[in-house]
Amino acid sequence: MHPEDIKQLILAGMVCEHLDLDGDGQHFLATIVSQEFAGKSRVQRQQRVYQTLKEKLATGELHALSFKTLTPEEWSAQRG
């Protein structure tokens, strides 16, 4: 899969204030910033992202995605 395809799937499934995704066609790394993550545990945040990609994961089209999930406040604090 192309990184832009994955990005569009995530954006279609949830509201993101920021989404950065890079990859080589096999392995992908994303930074996802969404207000939806507020008050959620790390596992709940991951589950929310996986929910947007479940079809591609189930078919094996996507299998190596690492990501960091942040709220807008966490993103702002991290950027300094």
PDB file of N, CA and C in Angstrom:
ATOM      1  N   MET A   1       0.833  -1.192   0.000  1.00  0.00           N
ATOM      2  CA  MET A   1       0.000   0.000   0.000  1.00  0.00           C
ATOM      3  C   MET A   1       0.869   1.245   0.000  1.00  0.00           C
ATOM      4  N   HIS A   2       0.342   2.278  -0.561  1.00  0.00           N
ATOM      5  CA  HIS A   2       1.018   3.571  -0.596  1.00  0.00           C
ATOM      6  C   HIS A   2       0.649   4.345   0.671  1.00  0.00           C
ATOM      7  N   PRO A   3       1.593   5.083   1.265  1.00  0.00           N
ATOM      8  CA  PRO A   3       1.287   5.845   2.487  1.00  0.00           C
ATOM      9  C   PRO A   3       0.064   6.754   2.351  1.00  0.00           C
ATOM     10  N   GLU A   4      -0.124   7.360   1.206  1.00  0.00           N
ATOM     11  CA  GLU A   4      -1.271   8.254   1.011  1.00  0.00           C
ATOM     12  C   GLU A   4      -2.595   7.494   1.110  1.00  0.00           C
ATOM     13  N   ASP A   5      -2.618   6.236   0.657  1.00  0.00           N
ATOM     14  CA  ASP A   5      -3.834   5.418   0.754  1.00  0.00           C
ATOM     15  C   ASP A   5      -4.198   5.158   2.213  1.00  0.00           C
ATOM     16  N   ILE A   6      -3.197   4.840   3.017  1.00  0.00           N
ATOM     17  CA  ILE A   6      -3.427   4.590   4.439  1.00  0.00           C
ATOM     18  C   ILE A   6      -3.896   5.870   5.119  1.00  0.00           C
ATOM     19  N   LYS A   7      -3.260   6.958   4.777  1.00  0.00           N
ATOM     20  CA  LYS A   7      -3.628   8.254   5.343  1.00  0.00           C
ATOM     21  C   LYS A   7      -5.098   8.574   5.047  1.00  0.00           C
ATOM     22  N   GLN A   8      -5.517   8.338   3.833  1.00  0.00           N
ATOM     23  CA  GLN A   8      -6.905   8.614   3.456  1.00  0.00           C
ATOM     24  C   GLN A   8      -7.890   7.712   4.207  1.00  0.00           C
ATOM     25  N   LEU A   9      -7.517   6.478   4.444  1.00  0.00           N
ATOM     26  CA  LEU A   9      -8.379   5.567   5.221  1.00  0.00           C
ATOM     27  C   LEU A   9      -8.555   6.064   6.651  1.00  0.00           C
ATOM     28  N   ILE A  10      -7.468   6.501   7.258  1.00  0.00           N
ATOM     29  CA  ILE A  10      -7.542   7.013   8.628  1.00  0.00           C
ATOM     30  C   ILE A  10      -8.390   8.278   8.663  1.00  0.00           C
ATOM     31  N   LEU A  11      -8.155   9.194   7.717  1.00  0.00           N
ATOM     32  CA  LEU A  11      -8.908  10.451   7.682  1.00  0.00           C
ATOM     33  C   LEU A  11     -10.393  10.226   7.407  1.00  0.00           C
ATOM     34  N   ALA A  12     -10.715   9.192   6.646  1.00  0.00           N
ATOM     35  CA  ALA A  12     -12.119   8.881   6.369  1.00  0.00           C
ATOM     36  C   ALA A  12     -12.819   8.305   7.593  1.00  0.00           C
ATOM     37  N   GLY A  13     -12.029   7.706   8.497  1.00  0.00           N
ATOM     38  CA  GLY A  13     -12.610   7.036   9.645  1.00  0.00           C
ATOM     39  C   GLY A  13     -12.632   7.820  10.934  1.00  0.00           C
ATOM     40  N   MET A  14     -11.880   8.920  10.983  1.00  0.00           N
ATOM     41  CA  MET A  14     -11.841   9.714  12.210  1.00  0.00           C
ATOM     42  C   MET A  14     -11.355  11.133  11.917  1.00  0.00           C
ATOM     43  N   VAL A  15     -11.698  12.039  12.807  1.00  0.00           N
ATOM     44  CA  VAL A  15     -11.276  13.427  12.670  1.00  0.00           C
ATOM     45  C   VAL A  15      -9.870  13.574  13.246  1.00  0.00           C
ATOM     46  N   CYS A  16      -8.969  14.084  12.432  1.00  0.00           N
ATOM     47  CA  CYS A  16      -7.583  14.272  12.860  1.00  0.00           C
ATOM     48  C   CYS A  16      -7.199  15.740  12.709  1.00  0.00           C
ATOM     49  N   GLU A  17      -6.573  16.267  13.728  1.00  0.00           N
ATOM     50  CA  GLU A  17      -6.035  17.615  13.638  1.00  0.00           C
ATOM     51  C   GLU A  17      -4.702  17.620  12.893  1.00  0.00           C
ATOM     52  N   HIS A  18      -4.000  16.495  12.968  1.00  0.00           N
ATOM     53  CA  HIS A  18      -2.721  16.344  12.278  1.00  0.00           C
ATOM     54  C   HIS A  18      -2.515  14.854  12.008  1.00  0.00           C
ATOM     55  N   LEU A  19      -2.008  14.549  10.835  1.00  0.00           N
ATOM     56  CA  LEU A  19      -1.697  13.170  10.489  1.00  0.00           C
ATOM     57  C   LEU A  19      -0.480  13.170   9.582  1.00  0.00           C
ATOM     58  N   ASP A  20       0.562  12.537  10.047  1.00  0.00           N
ATOM     59  CA  ASP A  20       1.787  12.402   9.272  1.00  0.00           C
ATOM     60  C   ASP A  20       2.052  10.917   9.118  1.00  0.00           C
ATOM     61  N   LEU A  21       2.281  10.471   7.887  1.00  0.00           N
ATOM     62  CA  LEU A  21       2.493   9.053   7.658  1.00  0.00           C
ATOM     63  C   LEU A  21       3.576   8.868   6.605  1.00  0.00           C
ATOM     64  N   ASP A  22       4.558   8.066   6.944  1.00  0.00           N
ATOM     65  CA  ASP A  22       5.636   7.723   6.018  1.00  0.00           C
ATOM     66  C   ASP A  22       5.759   6.211   5.949  1.00  0.00           C
ATOM     67  N   GLY A  23       6.276   5.740   4.840  1.00  0.00           N
ATOM     68  CA  GLY A  23       6.488   4.312   4.717  1.00  0.00           C
ATOM     69  C   GLY A  23       7.184   3.959   3.428  1.00  0.00           C
ATOM     70  N   ASP A  24       7.612   2.708   3.362  1.00  0.00           N
ATOM     71  CA  ASP A  24       8.341   2.228   2.194  1.00  0.00           C
ATOM     72  C   ASP A  24       7.534   1.226   1.371  1.00  0.00           C
ATOM     73  N   GLY A  25       6.232   1.146   1.641  1.00  0.00           N
ATOM     74  CA  GLY A  25       5.395   0.174   0.944  1.00  0.00           C
ATOM     75  C   GLY A  25       5.205  -1.098   1.734  1.00  0.00           C
ATOM     76  N   GLN A  26       6.063  -1.331   2.697  1.00  0.00           N
ATOM     77  CA  GLN A  26       5.980  -2.507   3.566  1.00  0.00           C
ATOM     78  C   GLN A  26       5.766  -2.119   5.022  1.00  0.00           C
ATOM     79  N   HIS A  27       6.533  -1.139   5.486  1.00  0.00           N
ATOM     80  CA  HIS A  27       6.485  -0.688   6.877  1.00  0.00           C
ATOM     81  C   HIS A  27       6.103   0.784   6.898  1.00  0.00           C
ATOM     82  N   PHE A  28       5.236   1.130   7.844  1.00  0.00           N
ATOM     83  CA  PHE A  28       4.715   2.488   7.910  1.00  0.00           C
ATOM     84  C   PHE A  28       4.795   3.019   9.339  1.00  0.00           C
ATOM     85  N   LEU A  29       4.989   4.326   9.438  1.00  0.00           N
ATOM     86  CA  LEU A  29       5.037   5.003  10.725  1.00  0.00           C
ATOM     87  C   LEU A  29       4.142   6.231  10.642  1.00  0.00           C
ATOM     88  N   ALA A  30       3.213   6.355  11.589  1.00  0.00           N
ATOM     89  CA  ALA A  30       2.264   7.470  11.582  1.00  0.00           C
ATOM     90  C   ALA A  30       2.271   8.199  12.917  1.00  0.00           C
ATOM     91  N   THR A  31       2.049   9.501  12.836  1.00  0.00           N
ATOM     92  CA  THR A  31       1.765  10.326  14.009  1.00  0.00           C
ATOM     93  C   THR A  31       0.352  10.841  13.796  1.00  0.00           C
ATOM     94  N   ILE A  32      -0.534  10.499  14.723  1.00  0.00           N
ATOM     95  CA  ILE A  32      -1.949  10.834  14.584  1.00  0.00           C
ATOM     96  C   ILE A  32      -2.363  11.693  15.771  1.00  0.00           C
ATOM     97  N   VAL A  33      -2.874  12.878  15.467  1.00  0.00           N
ATOM     98  CA  VAL A  33      -3.313  13.813  16.500  1.00  0.00           C
ATOM     99  C   VAL A  33      -4.817  13.988  16.344  1.00  0.00           C
ATOM    100  N   SER A  34      -5.558  13.642  17.404  1.00  0.00           N
ATOM    101  CA  SER A  34      -7.009  13.734  17.347  1.00  0.00           C
ATOM    102  C   SER A  34      -7.582  14.008  18.727  1.00  0.00           C
ATOM    103  N   GLN A  35      -8.589  14.839  18.771  1.00  0.00           N
ATOM    104  CA  GLN A  35      -9.303  15.105  20.013  1.00  0.00           C
ATOM    105  C   GLN A  35     -10.020  13.847  20.501  1.00  0.00           C
ATOM    106  N   GLU A  36     -10.281  12.925  19.582  1.00  0.00           N
ATOM    107  CA  GLU A  36     -10.934  11.653  19.942  1.00  0.00           C
ATOM    108  C   GLU A  36     -10.127  10.862  20.972  1.00  0.00           C
ATOM    109  N   PHE A  37      -8.836  11.140  21.078  1.00  0.00           N
ATOM    110  CA  PHE A  37      -7.978  10.397  22.006  1.00  0.00           C
ATOM    111  C   PHE A  37      -8.048  10.916  23.439  1.00  0.00           C
ATOM    112  N   ALA A  38      -8.675  12.053  23.643  1.00  0.00           N
ATOM    113  CA  ALA A  38      -8.749  12.643  24.988  1.00  0.00           C
ATOM    114  C   ALA A  38      -9.439  11.682  25.952  1.00  0.00           C
ATOM    115  N   GLY A  39      -8.805  11.450  27.083  1.00  0.00           N
ATOM    116  CA  GLY A  39      -9.365  10.577  28.107  1.00  0.00           C
ATOM    117  C   GLY A  39      -9.280   9.098  27.807  1.00  0.00           C
ATOM    118  N   LYS A  40      -8.596   8.730  26.721  1.00  0.00           N
ATOM    119  CA  LYS A  40      -8.479   7.320  26.327  1.00  0.00           C
ATOM    120  C   LYS A  40      -7.101   6.785  26.690  1.00  0.00           C
ATOM    121  N   SER A  41      -7.062   5.511  27.040  1.00  0.00           N
ATOM    122  CA  SER A  41      -5.779   4.855  27.311  1.00  0.00           C
ATOM    123  C   SER A  41      -5.045   4.631  25.989  1.00  0.00           C
ATOM    124  N   ARG A  42      -3.790   4.268  26.090  1.00  0.00           N
ATOM    125  CA  ARG A  42      -2.996   3.990  24.890  1.00  0.00           C
ATOM    126  C   ARG A  42      -3.629   2.861  24.071  1.00  0.00           C
ATOM    127  N   VAL A  43      -4.098   1.836  24.736  1.00  0.00           N
ATOM    128  CA  VAL A  43      -4.731   0.707  24.050  1.00  0.00           C
ATOM    129  C   VAL A  43      -6.018   1.153  23.355  1.00  0.00           C
ATOM    130  N   GLN A  44      -6.822   1.951  24.022  1.00  0.00           N
ATOM    131  CA  GLN A  44      -8.060   2.449  23.413  1.00  0.00           C
ATOM    132  C   GLN A  44      -7.772   3.315  22.192  1.00  0.00           C
ATOM    133  N   ARG A  45      -6.716   4.094  22.263  1.00  0.00           N
ATOM    134  CA  ARG A  45      -6.323   4.928  21.125  1.00  0.00           C
ATOM    135  C   ARG A  45      -5.918   4.045  19.947  1.00  0.00           C
ATOM    136  N   GLN A  46      -5.126   3.016  20.221  1.00  0.00           N
ATOM    137  CA  GLN A  46      -4.704   2.100  19.163  1.00  0.00           C
ATOM    138  C   GLN A  46      -5.901   1.380  18.554  1.00  0.00           C
ATOM    139  N   GLN A  47      -6.810   0.957  19.402  1.00  0.00           N
ATOM    140  CA  GLN A  47      -8.012   0.285  18.905  1.00  0.00           C
ATOM    141  C   GLN A  47      -8.808   1.192  17.975  1.00  0.00           C
ATOM    142  N   ARG A  48      -8.862   2.473  18.313  1.00  0.00           N
ATOM    143  CA  ARG A  48      -9.598   3.431  17.487  1.00  0.00           C
ATOM    144  C   ARG A  48      -8.960   3.561  16.104  1.00  0.00           C
ATOM    145  N   VAL A  49      -7.651   3.626  16.055  1.00  0.00           N
ATOM    146  CA  VAL A  49      -6.969   3.716  14.762  1.00  0.00           C
ATOM    147  C   VAL A  49      -7.151   2.416  13.980  1.00  0.00           C
ATOM    148  N   TYR A  50      -6.963   1.290  14.627  1.00  0.00           N
ATOM    149  CA  TYR A  50      -7.129  -0.001  13.949  1.00  0.00           C
ATOM    150  C   TYR A  50      -8.544  -0.158  13.393  1.00  0.00           C
ATOM    151  N   GLN A  51      -9.505   0.429  14.070  1.00  0.00           N
ATOM    152  CA  GLN A  51     -10.898   0.378  13.599  1.00  0.00           C
ATOM    153  C   GLN A  51     -11.011   0.990  12.202  1.00  0.00           C
ATOM    154  N   THR A  52     -10.264   2.051  11.935  1.00  0.00           N
ATOM    155  CA  THR A  52     -10.334   2.704  10.629  1.00  0.00           C
ATOM    156  C   THR A  52      -9.654   1.885   9.533  1.00  0.00           C
ATOM    157  N   LEU A  53      -8.805   0.942   9.927  1.00  0.00           N
ATOM    158  CA  LEU A  53      -8.017   0.164   8.968  1.00  0.00           C
ATOM    159  C   LEU A  53      -8.363  -1.318   8.962  1.00  0.00           C
ATOM    160  N   LYS A  54      -9.421  -1.702   9.671  1.00  0.00           N
ATOM    161  CA  LYS A  54      -9.692  -3.125   9.900  1.00  0.00           C
ATOM    162  C   LYS A  54      -9.825  -3.943   8.615  1.00  0.00           C
ATOM    163  N   GLU A  55     -10.409  -3.379   7.578  1.00  0.00           N
ATOM    164  CA  GLU A  55     -10.576  -4.135   6.331  1.00  0.00           C
ATOM    165  C   GLU A  55      -9.218  -4.446   5.687  1.00  0.00           C
ATOM    166  N   LYS A  56      -8.351  -3.460   5.638  1.00  0.00           N
ATOM    167  CA  LYS A  56      -7.029  -3.660   5.025  1.00  0.00           C
ATOM    168  C   LYS A  56      -6.162  -4.581   5.871  1.00  0.00           C
ATOM    169  N   LEU A  57      -6.311  -4.522   7.181  1.00  0.00           N
ATOM    170  CA  LEU A  57      -5.571  -5.422   8.062  1.00  0.00           C
ATOM    171  C   LEU A  57      -6.071  -6.858   7.908  1.00  0.00           C
ATOM    172  N   ALA A  58      -7.388  -7.020   7.792  1.00  0.00           N
ATOM    173  CA  ALA A  58      -7.981  -8.352   7.676  1.00  0.00           C
ATOM    174  C   ALA A  58      -7.575  -9.052   6.383  1.00  0.00           C
ATOM    175  N   THR A  59      -7.426  -8.283   5.318  1.00  0.00           N
ATOM    176  CA  THR A  59      -7.057  -8.876   4.029  1.00  0.00           C
ATOM    177  C   THR A  59      -5.547  -9.056   3.875  1.00  0.00           C
ATOM    178  N   GLY A  60      -4.786  -8.503   4.808  1.00  0.00           N
ATOM    179  CA  GLY A  60      -3.337  -8.615   4.732  1.00  0.00           C
ATOM    180  C   GLY A  60      -2.676  -7.563   3.859  1.00  0.00           C
ATOM    181  N   GLU A  61      -3.472  -6.645   3.298  1.00  0.00           N
ATOM    182  CA  GLU A  61      -2.894  -5.572   2.479  1.00  0.00           C
ATOM    183  C   GLU A  61      -2.001  -4.661   3.313  1.00  0.00           C
ATOM    184  N   LEU A  62      -2.331  -4.535   4.581  1.00  0.00           N
ATOM    185  CA  LEU A  62      -1.570  -3.706   5.502  1.00  0.00           C
ATOM    186  C   LEU A  62      -1.210  -4.570   6.701  1.00  0.00           C
ATOM    187  N   HIS A  63       0.072  -4.625   7.016  1.00  0.00           N
ATOM    188  CA  HIS A  63       0.455  -5.487   8.130  1.00  0.00           C
ATOM    189  C   HIS A  63       1.525  -4.899   9.037  1.00  0.00           C
ATOM    190  N   ALA A  64       2.192  -3.848   8.633  1.00  0.00           N
ATOM    191  CA  ALA A  64       3.268  -3.296   9.465  1.00  0.00           C
ATOM    192  C   ALA A  64       3.079  -1.791   9.628  1.00  0.00           C
ATOM    193  N   LEU A  65       2.279  -1.430  10.629  1.00  0.00           N
ATOM    194  CA  LEU A  65       2.023  -0.022  10.903  1.00  0.00           C
ATOM    195  C   LEU A  65       2.341   0.274  12.359  1.00  0.00           C
ATOM    196  N   SER A  66       3.243   1.207  12.556  1.00  0.00           N
ATOM    197  CA  SER A  66       3.552   1.708  13.897  1.00  0.00           C
ATOM    198  C   SER A  66       3.014   3.121  13.956  1.00  0.00           C
ATOM    199  N   PHE A  67       2.493   3.502  15.108  1.00  0.00           N
ATOM    200  CA  PHE A  67       1.987   4.866  15.198  1.00  0.00           C
ATOM    201  C   PHE A  67       2.044   5.406  16.609  1.00  0.00           C
ATOM    202  N   LYS A  68       2.052   6.743  16.651  1.00  0.00           N
ATOM    203  CA  LYS A  68       2.006   7.483  17.895  1.00  0.00           C
ATOM    204  C   LYS A  68       0.682   8.233  17.882  1.00  0.00           C
ATOM    205  N   THR A  69      -0.079   8.128  18.969  1.00  0.00           N
ATOM    206  CA  THR A  69      -1.371   8.802  19.056  1.00  0.00           C
ATOM    207  C   THR A  69      -1.304   9.878  20.129  1.00  0.00           C
ATOM    208  N   LEU A  70      -1.728  11.081  19.760  1.00  0.00           N
ATOM    209  CA  LEU A  70      -1.662  12.220  20.669  1.00  0.00           C
ATOM    210  C   LEU A  70      -2.936  13.047  20.586  1.00  0.00           C
ATOM    211  N   THR A  71      -3.288  13.681  21.703  1.00  0.00           N
ATOM    212  CA  THR A  71      -4.351  14.685  21.672  1.00  0.00           C
ATOM    213  C   THR A  71      -3.723  15.979  21.156  1.00  0.00           C
ATOM    214  N   PRO A  72      -4.527  16.953  20.729  1.00  0.00           N
ATOM    215  CA  PRO A  72      -3.950  18.232  20.302  1.00  0.00           C
ATOM    216  C   PRO A  72      -3.105  18.887  21.395  1.00  0.00           C
ATOM    217  N   GLU A  73      -3.515  18.751  22.642  1.00  0.00           N
ATOM    218  CA  GLU A  73      -2.756  19.329  23.757  1.00  0.00           C
ATOM    219  C   GLU A  73      -1.410  18.633  23.920  1.00  0.00           C
ATOM    220  N   GLU A  74      -1.398  17.323  23.827  1.00  0.00           N
ATOM    221  CA  GLU A  74      -0.146  16.571  23.912  1.00  0.00           C
ATOM    222  C   GLU A  74       0.787  16.915  22.734  1.00  0.00           C
ATOM    223  N   TRP A  75       0.215  17.065  21.567  1.00  0.00           N
ATOM    224  CA  TRP A  75       0.972  17.412  20.374  1.00  0.00           C
ATOM    225  C   TRP A  75       1.617  18.787  20.536  1.00  0.00           C
ATOM    226  N   SER A  76       0.834  19.727  21.029  1.00  0.00           N
ATOM    227  CA  SER A  76       1.333  21.084  21.244  1.00  0.00           C
ATOM    228  C   SER A  76       2.465  21.101  22.274  1.00  0.00           C
ATOM    229  N   ALA A  77       2.304  20.377  23.368  1.00  0.00           N
ATOM    230  CA  ALA A  77       3.329  20.320  24.409  1.00  0.00           C
ATOM    231  C   ALA A  77       4.598  19.644  23.894  1.00  0.00           C
ATOM    232  N   GLN A  78       4.453  18.630  23.086  1.00  0.00           N
ATOM    233  CA  GLN A  78       5.600  17.897  22.549  1.00  0.00           C
ATOM    234  C   GLN A  78       6.402  18.760  21.580  1.00  0.00           C
ATOM    235  N   ARG A  79       5.714  19.605  20.853  1.00  0.00           N
ATOM    236  CA  ARG A  79       6.386  20.461  19.862  1.00  0.00           C
ATOM    237  C   ARG A  79       7.066  21.648  20.524  1.00  0.00           C
ATOM    238  N   GLY A  80       6.739  21.881  21.807  1.00  0.00           N
ATOM    239  CA  GLY A  80       7.430  22.877  22.590  1.00  0.00           C
ATOM    240  C   GLY A  80       6.949  24.247  22.429  1.00  0.00           C
TER     241      GLY A  80
END
